[in-house]
C-alpha atoms as a PDB file:
ATOM      1  CA  MET A   1     -53.242  -8.709   4.787  1.00  0.00           C
ATOM      2  CA  SER A   2     -50.245  -7.692   3.652  1.00  0.00           C
ATOM      3  CA  LYS A   3     -48.001  -6.549   5.692  1.00  0.00           C
ATOM      4  CA  VAL A   4     -45.340  -3.699   5.485  1.00  0.00           C
ATOM      5  CA  VAL A   5     -41.365  -3.079   5.764  1.00  0.00           C
ATOM      6  CA  LYS A   6     -39.381   0.179   6.101  1.00  0.00           C
ATOM      7  CA  VAL A   7     -36.021  -0.071   4.355  1.00  0.00           C
ATOM      8  CA  ALA A   8     -33.532   2.871   4.919  1.00  0.00           C
ATOM      9  CA  VAL A   9     -31.025   3.105   2.019  1.00  0.00           C
ATOM     10  CA  THR A  10     -28.249   5.442   2.905  1.00  0.00           C
ATOM     11  CA  GLY A  11     -26.714   6.881  -0.078  1.00  0.00           C
ATOM     12  CA  ALA A  12     -30.041   6.693  -1.742  1.00  0.00           C
ATOM     13  CA  ALA A  13     -29.089   8.446  -4.844  1.00  0.00           C
ATOM     14  CA  GLY A  14     -25.653   7.277  -5.972  1.00  0.00           C
ATOM     15  CA  GLN A  15     -24.712   3.972  -8.383  1.00  0.00           C
ATOM     16  CA  ILE A  16     -25.643   1.331  -6.003  1.00  0.00           C
ATOM     17  CA  GLY A  17     -28.629   3.127  -4.633  1.00  0.00           C
ATOM     18  CA  TYR A  18     -30.155   3.290  -8.133  1.00  0.00           C
ATOM     19  CA  ALA A  19     -29.459  -0.262  -8.637  1.00  0.00           C
ATOM     20  CA  LEU A  20     -30.984  -1.324  -5.386  1.00  0.00           C
ATOM     21  CA  LEU A  21     -33.988   0.361  -5.054  1.00  0.00           C
ATOM     22  CA  PRO A  22     -36.196  -1.348  -8.267  1.00  0.00           C
ATOM     23  CA  ARG A  23     -35.232  -4.136  -6.718  1.00  0.00           C
ATOM     24  CA  LEU A  24     -36.057  -3.665  -2.814  1.00  0.00           C
ATOM     25  CA  ALA A  25     -39.738  -2.456  -4.596  1.00  0.00           C
ATOM     26  CA  ASN A  26     -40.763  -4.890  -6.489  1.00  0.00           C
ATOM     27  CA  GLY A  27     -40.922  -8.060  -4.155  1.00  0.00           C
ATOM     28  CA  GLU A  28     -38.175 -10.204  -4.895  1.00  0.00           C
ATOM     29  CA  VAL A  29     -36.516  -9.037  -1.252  1.00  0.00           C
ATOM     30  CA  PHE A  30     -39.388  -9.526   0.880  1.00  0.00           C
ATOM     31  CA  GLY A  31     -42.067 -11.521  -0.851  1.00  0.00           C
ATOM     32  CA  PRO A  32     -44.934 -10.896  -2.843  1.00  0.00           C
ATOM     33  CA  ASP A  33     -47.216 -10.645   0.081  1.00  0.00           C
ATOM     34  CA  THR A  34     -45.137  -7.256   1.850  1.00  0.00           C
ATOM     35  CA  LYS A  35     -45.227  -4.006   1.190  1.00  0.00           C
ATOM     36  CA  VAL A  36     -42.677  -1.218   0.974  1.00  0.00           C
ATOM     37  CA  ASP A  37     -41.732   1.751   2.630  1.00  0.00           C
ATOM     38  CA  LEU A  38     -38.236   2.914   1.288  1.00  0.00           C
ATOM     39  CA  HIS A  39     -36.710   6.251   3.903  1.00  0.00           C
ATOM     40  CA  LEU A  40     -34.417   7.130   1.312  1.00  0.00           C
ATOM     41  CA  LEU A  41     -31.642   9.261   2.850  1.00  0.00           C
ATOM     42  CA  GLU A  42     -28.794  11.742   0.989  1.00  0.00           C
ATOM     43  CA  VAL A  43     -26.553  14.511   1.761  1.00  0.00           C
ATOM     44  CA  THR A  44     -28.444  17.886   1.365  1.00  0.00           C
ATOM     45  CA  PRO A  45     -26.801  19.203  -2.328  1.00  0.00           C
ATOM     46  CA  VAL A  46     -28.204  15.645  -3.580  1.00  0.00           C
ATOM     47  CA  LEU A  47     -31.603  15.748  -2.923  1.00  0.00           C
ATOM     48  CA  PRO A  48     -32.870  16.937  -6.228  1.00  0.00           C
ATOM     49  CA  ALA A  49     -31.203  14.144  -7.773  1.00  0.00           C
ATOM     50  CA  LEU A  50     -32.830  12.120  -5.597  1.00  0.00           C
ATOM     51  CA  GLU A  51     -35.889  13.266  -5.959  1.00  0.00           C
ATOM     52  CA  GLY A  52     -35.380  12.415  -9.614  1.00  0.00           C
ATOM     53  CA  VAL A  53     -35.006   8.950  -8.725  1.00  0.00           C
ATOM     54  CA  VAL A  54     -38.222   8.621  -7.147  1.00  0.00           C
ATOM     55  CA  MET A  55     -39.849   9.916  -9.708  1.00  0.00           C
ATOM     56  CA  GLU A  56     -38.224   7.109 -11.556  1.00  0.00           C
ATOM     57  CA  MET A  57     -39.565   4.619  -8.638  1.00  0.00           C
ATOM     58  CA  ASN A  58     -42.678   6.286  -9.296  1.00  0.00           C
ATOM     59  CA  ASP A  59     -43.025   5.800 -12.802  1.00  0.00           C
ATOM     60  CA  CYS A  60     -42.480   2.255 -12.319  1.00  0.00           C
ATOM     61  CA  ALA A  61     -45.413   2.120 -10.907  1.00  0.00           C
ATOM     62  CA  PHE A  62     -44.243  -1.412  -8.622  1.00  0.00           C
ATOM     63  CA  PRO A  63     -47.185  -2.420  -6.949  1.00  0.00           C
ATOM     64  CA  LEU A  64     -45.697  -3.279  -3.999  1.00  0.00           C
ATOM     65  CA  LEU A  65     -44.241  -0.154  -2.944  1.00  0.00           C
ATOM     66  CA  ASN A  66     -46.117   2.170  -0.271  1.00  0.00           C
ATOM     67  CA  ASN A  67     -44.488   5.210  -0.091  1.00  0.00           C
ATOM     68  CA  ILE A  68     -40.721   6.742   0.100  1.00  0.00           C
ATOM     69  CA  VAL A  69     -39.807   9.221   2.081  1.00  0.00           C
ATOM     70  CA  VAL A  70     -36.655  11.498   1.199  1.00  0.00           C
ATOM     71  CA  THR A  71     -34.890  13.674   3.785  1.00  0.00           C
ATOM     72  CA  ASP A  72     -31.274  14.240   4.853  1.00  0.00           C
ATOM     73  CA  ASP A  73     -32.425  13.756   8.199  1.00  0.00           C
ATOM     74  CA  PRO A  74     -30.859  10.414   9.943  1.00  0.00           C
ATOM     75  CA  ASN A  75     -33.350  10.454  12.064  1.00  0.00           C
ATOM     76  CA  VAL A  76     -35.741  10.736   9.666  1.00  0.00           C
ATOM     77  CA  ALA A  77     -34.357   7.874   7.889  1.00  0.00           C
ATOM     78  CA  PHE A  78     -34.268   5.245  10.668  1.00  0.00           C
ATOM     79  CA  ASP A  79     -37.248   6.430  11.955  1.00  0.00           C
ATOM     80  CA  GLY A  80     -39.380   2.927  12.863  1.00  0.00           C
ATOM     81  CA  VAL A  81     -37.323   1.248  10.140  1.00  0.00           C
ATOM     82  CA  ASN A  82     -36.947  -2.782  10.617  1.00  0.00           C
ATOM     83  CA  TRP A  83     -33.596  -2.662   7.597  1.00  0.00           C
ATOM     84  CA  ALA A  84     -31.214  -0.477   7.299  1.00  0.00           C
ATOM     85  CA  LEU A  85     -28.897  -0.463   4.235  1.00  0.00           C
ATOM     86  CA  MET A  86     -25.707   2.121   4.952  1.00  0.00           C
ATOM     87  CA  VAL A  87     -25.343   2.444   1.582  1.00  0.00           C
ATOM     88  CA  GLY A  88     -24.258   6.153   1.247  1.00  0.00           C
ATOM     89  CA  SER A  89     -20.033   6.994   2.479  1.00  0.00           C
ATOM     90  CA  ARG A  90     -16.988   9.342   1.383  1.00  0.00           C
ATOM     91  CA  PRO A  91     -15.454   7.737  -1.433  1.00  0.00           C
ATOM     92  CA  ARG A  92     -12.074   7.555  -1.557  1.00  0.00           C
ATOM     93  CA  SER A  93     -10.654  10.244  -3.479  1.00  0.00           C
ATOM     94  CA  ALA A  94      -7.311  10.310  -5.838  1.00  0.00           C
ATOM     95  CA  GLY A  95      -4.080  10.023  -3.752  1.00  0.00           C
ATOM     96  CA  MET A  96      -6.191   9.467  -0.467  1.00  0.00           C
ATOM     97  CA  GLU A  97      -5.219   6.661   1.738  1.00  0.00           C
ATOM     98  CA  ARG A  98      -7.287   3.862   3.894  1.00  0.00           C
ATOM     99  CA  GLY A  99      -6.468   5.749   6.770  1.00  0.00           C
ATOM    100  CA  GLU A 100      -7.974   9.042   5.595  1.00  0.00           C
ATOM    101  CA  LEU A 101     -10.565   7.737   3.932  1.00  0.00           C
ATOM    102  CA  ILE A 102     -11.513   5.888   7.588  1.00  0.00           C
ATOM    103  CA  GLN A 103     -11.167   9.395   9.179  1.00  0.00           C
ATOM    104  CA  VAL A 104     -13.449  11.205   6.715  1.00  0.00           C
ATOM    105  CA  ASN A 105     -16.271   8.292   6.981  1.00  0.00           C
ATOM    106  CA  GLY A 106     -15.973   8.013  10.913  1.00  0.00           C
ATOM    107  CA  PRO A 107     -17.884  11.186  12.037  1.00  0.00           C
ATOM    108  CA  ILE A 108     -21.122  10.339   9.504  1.00  0.00           C
ATOM    109  CA  PHE A 109     -21.523   6.990  10.928  1.00  0.00           C
ATOM    110  CA  VAL A 110     -21.224   8.444  14.353  1.00  0.00           C
ATOM    111  CA  GLY A 111     -24.372  10.721  13.544  1.00  0.00           C
ATOM    112  CA  GLN A 112     -26.075   7.380  11.334  1.00  0.00           C
ATOM    113  CA  GLY A 113     -25.436   4.895  14.315  1.00  0.00           C
ATOM    114  CA  ASN A 114     -26.909   7.716  16.847  1.00  0.00           C
ATOM    115  CA  ALA A 115     -30.004   7.756  14.273  1.00  0.00           C
ATOM    116  CA  LEU A 116     -30.517   4.059  14.605  1.00  0.00           C
ATOM    117  CA  ASN A 117     -32.307   4.857  18.060  1.00  0.00           C
ATOM    118  CA  ASN A 118     -35.454   5.922  16.367  1.00  0.00           C
ATOM    119  CA  ALA A 119     -35.772   2.844  14.133  1.00  0.00           C
ATOM    120  CA  ALA A 120     -38.105  -0.672  15.081  1.00  0.00           C
ATOM    121  CA  ALA A 121     -37.105  -2.653  17.788  1.00  0.00           C
ATOM    122  CA  ASP A 122     -36.836  -6.015  15.265  1.00  0.00           C
ATOM    123  CA  VAL A 123     -34.143  -3.674  12.955  1.00  0.00           C
ATOM    124  CA  ARG A 124     -31.456  -4.971  10.758  1.00  0.00           C
ATOM    125  CA  ILE A 125     -28.250  -3.382   9.864  1.00  0.00           C
ATOM    126  CA  VAL A 126     -26.126  -3.938   6.597  1.00  0.00           C
ATOM    127  CA  VAL A 127     -23.007  -1.377   6.150  1.00  0.00           C
ATOM    128  CA  VAL A 128     -22.423  -1.713   2.737  1.00  0.00           C
ATOM    129  CA  GLY A 129     -20.137   2.017   2.635  1.00  0.00           C
ATOM    130  CA  ASN A 130     -16.513   1.499   2.702  1.00  0.00           C
ATOM    131  CA  PRO A 131     -14.384   1.008   5.018  1.00  0.00           C
ATOM    132  CA  ALA A 132     -17.535  -1.333   5.887  1.00  0.00           C
ATOM    133  CA  ASN A 133     -16.281  -2.743   8.810  1.00  0.00           C
ATOM    134  CA  THR A 134     -14.565  -0.126  10.390  1.00  0.00           C
ATOM    135  CA  ASN A 135     -18.139   1.851   9.204  1.00  0.00           C
ATOM    136  CA  CYS A 136     -20.119  -1.116  10.890  1.00  0.00           C
ATOM    137  CA  LEU A 137     -18.186  -0.964  13.709  1.00  0.00           C
ATOM    138  CA  ILE A 138     -18.156   2.989  14.413  1.00  0.00           C
ATOM    139  CA  ALA A 139     -21.851   2.968  14.281  1.00  0.00           C
ATOM    140  CA  MET A 140     -22.522  -0.068  16.124  1.00  0.00           C
ATOM    141  CA  ASN A 141     -20.710   1.747  19.233  1.00  0.00           C
ATOM    142  CA  ASN A 142     -22.503   4.973  18.719  1.00  0.00           C
ATOM    143  CA  SER A 143     -25.938   3.219  18.707  1.00  0.00           C
ATOM    144  CA  ASP A 144     -28.072   1.264  21.177  1.00  0.00           C
ATOM    145  CA  VAL A 145     -29.069  -1.399  18.698  1.00  0.00           C
ATOM    146  CA  PRO A 146     -27.664  -4.898  20.331  1.00  0.00           C
ATOM    147  CA  ALA A 147     -24.662  -5.931  18.557  1.00  0.00           C
ATOM    148  CA  LYS A 148     -25.865  -9.193  16.824  1.00  0.00           C
ATOM    149  CA  ARG A 149     -27.895  -6.470  14.415  1.00  0.00           C
ATOM    150  CA  PHE A 150     -25.136  -4.968  13.033  1.00  0.00           C
ATOM    151  CA  SER A 151     -23.516  -6.452  10.310  1.00  0.00           C
ATOM    152  CA  ALA A 152     -21.122  -5.133   7.459  1.00  0.00           C
ATOM    153  CA  LEU A 153     -21.360  -6.407   3.315  1.00  0.00           C
ATOM    154  CA  THR A 154     -18.982  -9.324   2.669  1.00  0.00           C
ATOM    155  CA  ARG A 155     -21.255 -11.361   0.752  1.00  0.00           C
ATOM    156  CA  LEU A 156     -19.337  -9.834  -2.339  1.00  0.00           C
ATOM    157  CA  ASP A 157     -16.844 -10.501  -1.448  1.00  0.00           C
ATOM    158  CA  GLN A 158     -18.000 -14.518  -1.405  1.00  0.00           C
ATOM    159  CA  ASN A 159     -20.287 -14.531  -4.970  1.00  0.00           C
ATOM    160  CA  ARG A 160     -17.013 -12.759  -6.758  1.00  0.00           C
ATOM    161  CA  ALA A 161     -15.260 -16.387  -5.045  1.00  0.00           C
ATOM    162  CA  TYR A 162     -17.947 -18.245  -6.075  1.00  0.00           C
ATOM    163  CA  ALA A 163     -18.231 -17.243  -9.661  1.00  0.00           C
ATOM    164  CA  GLN A 164     -14.045 -18.001  -9.577  1.00  0.00           C
ATOM    165  CA  LEU A 165     -14.106 -21.117  -8.703  1.00  0.00           C
ATOM    166  CA  ALA A 166     -17.065 -22.256 -10.411  1.00  0.00           C
ATOM    167  CA  GLU A 167     -15.362 -20.840 -14.281  1.00  0.00           C
ATOM    168  CA  LYS A 168     -12.390 -22.534 -13.026  1.00  0.00           C
ATOM    169  CA  ALA A 169     -14.089 -25.763 -12.177  1.00  0.00           C
ATOM    170  CA  GLY A 170     -15.953 -25.836 -15.547  1.00  0.00           C
ATOM    171  CA  MET A 171     -19.408 -25.726 -13.257  1.00  0.00           C
ATOM    172  CA  THR A 172     -21.724 -23.012 -12.490  1.00  0.00           C
ATOM    173  CA  VAL A 173     -22.394 -20.797  -9.143  1.00  0.00           C
ATOM    174  CA  ASN A 174     -25.332 -23.149  -8.250  1.00  0.00           C
ATOM    175  CA  ASP A 175     -22.150 -26.169  -7.677  1.00  0.00           C
ATOM    176  CA  VAL A 176     -20.471 -23.935  -5.611  1.00  0.00           C
ATOM    177  CA  SER A 177     -21.296 -23.671  -1.776  1.00  0.00           C
ATOM    178  CA  ASN A 178     -19.879 -22.925   1.673  1.00  0.00           C
ATOM    179  CA  VAL A 179     -17.065 -20.507   0.709  1.00  0.00           C
ATOM    180  CA  THR A 180     -16.445 -18.149   3.657  1.00  0.00           C
ATOM    181  CA  ILE A 181     -14.790 -14.849   3.272  1.00  0.00           C
ATOM    182  CA  TRP A 182     -12.725 -14.242   6.374  1.00  0.00           C
ATOM    183  CA  GLY A 183     -11.782 -10.564   8.144  1.00  0.00           C
ATOM    184  CA  ASN A 184     -11.867  -7.212   6.129  1.00  0.00           C
ATOM    185  CA  HIS A 185     -13.705  -6.146   3.223  1.00  0.00           C
ATOM    186  CA  SER A 186     -10.287  -5.285   1.407  1.00  0.00           C
ATOM    187  CA  ALA A 187      -7.238  -5.968  -0.352  1.00  0.00           C
ATOM    188  CA  THR A 188      -6.180  -8.224   2.907  1.00  0.00           C
ATOM    189  CA  GLN A 189      -9.419 -10.455   3.393  1.00  0.00           C
ATOM    190  CA  TYR A 190      -9.244 -14.665   3.399  1.00  0.00           C
ATOM    191  CA  PRO A 191     -11.715 -16.217   0.476  1.00  0.00           C
ATOM    192  CA  ASP A 192     -11.157 -19.697   2.338  1.00  0.00           C
ATOM    193  CA  ALA A 193     -10.941 -22.767  -0.658  1.00  0.00           C
ATOM    194  CA  GLU A 194     -10.291 -25.192   1.580  1.00  0.00           C
ATOM    195  CA  ASN A 195     -13.267 -25.674   3.656  1.00  0.00           C
ATOM    196  CA  ALA A 196     -15.684 -25.191  -0.004  1.00  0.00           C
ATOM    197  CA  LYS A 197     -17.025 -27.604  -1.624  1.00  0.00           C
ATOM    198  CA  ILE A 198     -18.236 -28.228  -5.404  1.00  0.00           C
ATOM    199  CA  ASN A 199     -20.936 -29.936  -5.647  1.00  0.00           C
ATOM    200  CA  GLY A 200     -20.761 -31.835  -1.962  1.00  0.00           C
ATOM    201  CA  ARG A 201     -17.214 -32.494  -2.952  1.00  0.00           C
ATOM    202  CA  PRO A 202     -14.100 -30.435  -1.406  1.00  0.00           C
ATOM    203  CA  VAL A 203     -12.906 -27.775  -3.449  1.00  0.00           C
ATOM    204  CA  PHE A 204      -9.000 -28.987  -3.670  1.00  0.00           C
ATOM    205  CA  ASP A 205     -10.545 -32.477  -4.733  1.00  0.00           C
ATOM    206  CA  VAL A 206     -11.874 -31.016  -7.867  1.00  0.00           C
ATOM    207  CA  ILE A 207      -9.601 -28.586  -8.595  1.00  0.00           C
ATOM    208  CA  ASP A 208      -5.942 -29.571  -9.068  1.00  0.00           C
ATOM    209  CA  ASP A 209      -4.054 -26.187  -9.704  1.00  0.00           C
ATOM    210  CA  HIS A 210      -3.747 -26.104  -5.954  1.00  0.00           C
ATOM    211  CA  ASP A 211      -0.892 -23.174  -6.643  1.00  0.00           C
ATOM    212  CA  TRP A 212      -3.700 -21.596  -8.498  1.00  0.00           C
ATOM    213  CA  LEU A 213      -6.318 -21.959  -5.508  1.00  0.00           C
ATOM    214  CA  ARG A 214      -3.512 -20.656  -3.188  1.00  0.00           C
ATOM    215  CA  GLY A 215      -2.548 -17.756  -4.707  1.00  0.00           C
ATOM    216  CA  ASP A 216      -4.686 -16.265  -8.307  1.00  0.00           C
ATOM    217  CA  PHE A 217      -7.561 -17.016  -7.067  1.00  0.00           C
ATOM    218  CA  ILE A 218      -7.517 -15.223  -3.595  1.00  0.00           C
ATOM    219  CA  SER A 219      -5.890 -12.069  -5.045  1.00  0.00           C
ATOM    220  CA  THR A 220      -8.019 -11.693  -8.047  1.00  0.00           C
ATOM    221  CA  VAL A 221     -11.250 -11.849  -5.375  1.00  0.00           C
ATOM    222  CA  GLN A 222      -9.469  -9.148  -2.945  1.00  0.00           C
ATOM    223  CA  LYS A 223      -8.673  -6.970  -5.785  1.00  0.00           C
ATOM    224  CA  ARG A 224     -12.144  -7.489  -7.774  1.00  0.00           C
ATOM    225  CA  GLY A 225     -13.228  -4.016  -6.678  1.00  0.00           C
ATOM    226  CA  ALA A 226     -10.530  -2.499  -8.259  1.00  0.00           C
ATOM    227  CA  ALA A 227     -10.361  -4.551 -11.780  1.00  0.00           C
ATOM    228  CA  ILE A 228     -13.793  -3.374 -11.724  1.00  0.00           C
ATOM    229  CA  ILE A 229     -12.930   0.197 -11.835  1.00  0.00           C
ATOM    230  CA  ASN A 230     -10.308   0.125 -14.038  1.00  0.00           C
ATOM    231  CA  ALA A 231     -12.267  -1.721 -16.863  1.00  0.00           C
ATOM    232  CA  ARG A 232     -15.540   0.365 -16.467  1.00  0.00           C
ATOM    233  CA  GLY A 233     -14.544   3.310 -14.991  1.00  0.00           C
ATOM    234  CA  LYS A 234     -16.849   3.233 -12.109  1.00  0.00           C
ATOM    235  CA  SER A 235     -17.244   1.451  -8.938  1.00  0.00           C
ATOM    236  CA  SER A 236     -18.901  -2.120  -8.755  1.00  0.00           C
ATOM    237  CA  ALA A 237     -23.009  -1.053  -8.158  1.00  0.00           C
ATOM    238  CA  MET A 238     -24.683  -3.574  -9.780  1.00  0.00           C
ATOM    239  CA  SER A 239     -22.500  -6.266  -8.098  1.00  0.00           C
ATOM    240  CA  ALA A 240     -22.506  -4.991  -4.675  1.00  0.00           C
ATOM    241  CA  ALA A 241     -26.083  -4.009  -4.955  1.00  0.00           C
ATOM    242  CA  SER A 242     -26.962  -7.617  -5.654  1.00  0.00           C
ATOM    243  CA  ALA A 243     -25.007  -8.891  -2.842  1.00  0.00           C
ATOM    244  CA  THR A 244     -26.343  -6.370  -0.301  1.00  0.00           C
ATOM    245  CA  LEU A 245     -30.055  -8.242  -1.517  1.00  0.00           C
ATOM    246  CA  ASP A 246     -28.543 -12.073  -0.854  1.00  0.00           C
ATOM    247  CA  GLN A 247     -27.032 -10.751   2.403  1.00  0.00           C
ATOM    248  CA  VAL A 248     -30.964  -9.329   3.537  1.00  0.00           C
ATOM    249  CA  ARG A 249     -32.743 -12.828   2.343  1.00  0.00           C
ATOM    250  CA  SER A 250     -29.427 -14.900   3.830  1.00  0.00           C
ATOM    251  CA  PHE A 251     -30.676 -14.082   7.364  1.00  0.00           C
ATOM    252  CA  MET A 252     -34.043 -13.971   6.625  1.00  0.00           C
ATOM    253  CA  HIS A 253     -34.392 -17.323   5.692  1.00  0.00           C
ATOM    254  CA  LYS A 254     -33.057 -20.371   7.359  1.00  0.00           C
ATOM    255  CA  THR A 255     -29.895 -21.325   6.493  1.00  0.00           C
ATOM    256  CA  GLU A 256     -29.971 -24.738   5.115  1.00  0.00           C
ATOM    257  CA  ALA A 257     -28.187 -27.610   7.108  1.00  0.00           C
ATOM    258  CA  GLY A 258     -24.522 -28.036   6.043  1.00  0.00           C
ATOM    259  CA  ASN A 259     -24.671 -24.755   4.252  1.00  0.00           C
ATOM    260  CA  TRP A 260     -23.565 -20.884   6.032  1.00  0.00           C
ATOM    261  CA  PHE A 261     -22.830 -17.903   4.301  1.00  0.00           C
ATOM    262  CA  SER A 262     -20.707 -15.059   5.250  1.00  0.00           C
ATOM    263  CA  ALA A 263     -21.156 -11.640   6.248  1.00  0.00           C
ATOM    264  CA  ALA A 264     -18.504  -9.382   8.790  1.00  0.00           C
ATOM    265  CA  VAL A 265     -20.572  -9.571  12.664  1.00  0.00           C
ATOM    266  CA  ALA A 266     -19.247  -8.497  15.799  1.00  0.00           C
ATOM    267  CA  SER A 267     -17.098 -10.967  16.559  1.00  0.00           C
ATOM    268  CA  ASP A 268     -17.666 -13.079  20.492  1.00  0.00           C
ATOM    269  CA  GLY A 269     -14.615 -14.400  20.615  1.00  0.00           C
ATOM    270  CA  SER A 270     -14.608 -17.224  18.013  1.00  0.00           C
ATOM    271  CA  TYR A 271     -11.314 -18.386  16.295  1.00  0.00           C
ATOM    272  CA  GLY A 272      -9.403 -16.030  18.646  1.00  0.00           C
ATOM    273  CA  ILE A 273     -10.322 -13.205  16.711  1.00  0.00           C
ATOM    274  CA  ASP A 274     -10.956 -10.098  19.442  1.00  0.00           C
ATOM    275  CA  LYS A 275     -14.446  -9.793  20.769  1.00  0.00           C
ATOM    276  CA  GLY A 276     -16.340  -6.722  19.345  1.00  0.00           C
ATOM    277  CA  LEU A 277     -14.266  -6.620  16.427  1.00  0.00           C
ATOM    278  CA  ILE A 278     -16.107  -6.317  12.959  1.00  0.00           C
ATOM    279  CA  PHE A 279     -14.978  -9.418  11.124  1.00  0.00           C
ATOM    280  CA  SER A 280     -16.117 -11.494   8.137  1.00  0.00           C
ATOM    281  CA  PHE A 281     -17.308 -15.521   9.646  1.00  0.00           C
ATOM    282  CA  PRO A 282     -18.898 -18.313   8.213  1.00  0.00           C
ATOM    283  CA  LEU A 283     -22.164 -18.234   9.584  1.00  0.00           C
ATOM    284  CA  VAL A 284     -26.181 -19.953   9.411  1.00  0.00           C
ATOM    285  CA  SER A 285     -29.100 -17.760   9.720  1.00  0.00           C
ATOM    286  CA  ASP A 286     -32.389 -19.275  12.311  1.00  0.00           C
ATOM    287  CA  GLY A 287     -34.770 -17.629   9.158  1.00  0.00           C
ATOM    288  CA  ALA A 288     -36.113 -14.851  11.652  1.00  0.00           C
ATOM    289  CA  GLY A 289     -32.957 -12.356  11.876  1.00  0.00           C
ATOM    290  CA  ASP A 290     -30.922 -14.345  14.313  1.00  0.00           C
ATOM    291  CA  TYR A 291     -27.624 -15.586  13.054  1.00  0.00           C
ATOM    292  CA  GLU A 292     -24.354 -18.477  14.633  1.00  0.00           C
ATOM    293  CA  ILE A 293     -21.009 -18.242  13.824  1.00  0.00           C
ATOM    294  CA  VAL A 294     -20.003 -21.777  12.218  1.00  0.00           C
ATOM    295  CA  GLN A 295     -17.295 -23.064  14.522  1.00  0.00           C
ATOM    296  CA  GLY A 296     -15.171 -26.007  14.514  1.00  0.00           C
ATOM    297  CA  LEU A 297     -13.746 -25.376  10.186  1.00  0.00           C
ATOM    298  CA  PRO A 298     -10.250 -26.245  10.681  1.00  0.00           C
ATOM    299  CA  PHE A 299      -7.013 -23.371   9.384  1.00  0.00           C
ATOM    300  CA  SER A 300      -4.287 -24.836   7.190  1.00  0.00           C
ATOM    301  CA  GLU A 301      -1.280 -22.509   8.303  1.00  0.00           C
ATOM    302  CA  PHE A 302      -1.398 -21.408   5.254  1.00  0.00           C
ATOM    303  CA  ALA A 303      -4.878 -20.454   5.956  1.00  0.00           C
ATOM    304  CA  GLN A 304      -3.683 -19.377   9.942  1.00  0.00           C
ATOM    305  CA  ASP A 305      -1.226 -16.983   8.012  1.00  0.00           C
ATOM    306  CA  LYS A 306      -3.941 -15.241   5.729  1.00  0.00           C
ATOM    307  CA  VAL A 307      -6.277 -14.747   8.559  1.00  0.00           C
ATOM    308  CA  HIS A 308      -3.950 -13.514  11.041  1.00  0.00           C
ATOM    309  CA  LYS A 309      -2.856 -10.383   8.700  1.00  0.00           C
ATOM    310  CA  THR A 310      -6.632  -9.218   7.766  1.00  0.00           C
ATOM    311  CA  HIS A 311      -6.973  -9.636  12.093  1.00  0.00           C
ATOM    312  CA  ASN A 312      -4.118  -7.394  12.872  1.00  0.00           C
ATOM    313  CA  GLU A 313      -5.773  -5.080   9.546  1.00  0.00           C
ATOM    314  CA  LEU A 314      -8.481  -4.823  11.527  1.00  0.00           C
ATOM    315  CA  ARG A 315      -7.332  -3.911  14.889  1.00  0.00           C
ATOM    316  CA  ASP A 316      -5.428  -1.443  13.495  1.00  0.00           C
ATOM    317  CA  GLU A 317      -8.562  -0.005  11.491  1.00  0.00           C
ATOM    318  CA  LYS A 318     -10.192   0.102  15.535  1.00  0.00           C
ATOM    319  CA  ALA A 319      -7.073   1.453  17.025  1.00  0.00           C
ATOM    320  CA  PHE A 320      -6.968   4.732  14.622  1.00  0.00           C
ATOM    321  CA  VAL A 321     -10.923   4.867  15.051  1.00  0.00           C
ATOM    322  CA  ALA A 322     -10.440   4.589  19.166  1.00  0.00           C
ATOM    323  CA  ASP A 323     -11.925   8.294  19.945  1.00  0.00           C
ATOM    324  CA  LEU A 324     -14.895   7.814  18.098  1.00  0.00           C
ATOM    325  CA  LEU A 325     -16.088   3.956  20.394  1.00  0.00           C
ATOM    326  CA  LYS A 326     -18.060   4.798  23.015  1.00  0.00           C
END
């Protein structure tokens, strides 16, 4: 008998949602024997556009697409869901500072955090909408769902780092492993090549341009989203959607021995990071949705400085939304 998984997607009519929904329905994430119910949330003025997306989804005739719920009510959207992909957020407008973006998104994630109490007992949450770490922190602190069920998307940054290292080494992304994204999904994040490997060898042994590894590699990953907007005129929707699905799969499947993946989760104090802060760490999954933070990775003085900066930024963001945290 086929299983049914219920997946909520917020901001479902947006660019990321448009790239995400077909791949949720075609079996590549949950498998060929699992039917999918989609719960799609949008703000009221965008519901007509979402209905058009639903028309297209129906016209694809996905055999595994069991049901679609369209709503502007988070309580309906999250009712009984096993996965909540929180894609929707207020985008940054021209001239808007990051603090202003955090301020306007905060109330949205307070309400959605409360609504997550209607989800299934086994719900897992991936926050994609920016500023993802702090939006995740707000939702987590306004929900009764256990903190360990929440994550924010830094898999996109990991994937970007894989691509950069593979290109520099003349390899493919399949040859790269164990890149960690530390900290915030922002320009302060630290893509860690010091503990990464290419074909099982330390990256610093494979790539002899160490100035690049400590310079352009890091800044390219940090600023990749802005570079794509400059080139394309729109945000990186395709890669963000793909990374979201990668993150879901990494939590669903047992991590191969010796490897890890990156996601922003509630800190347990590992590596000196404040407990409860949503911070990107190296993780391993048990294949049942639970995870552990990889311990004991060494930091050079250079790396310690980078991690310190992104840690402080997230502390500042938490302080900025302190009135929204329970």
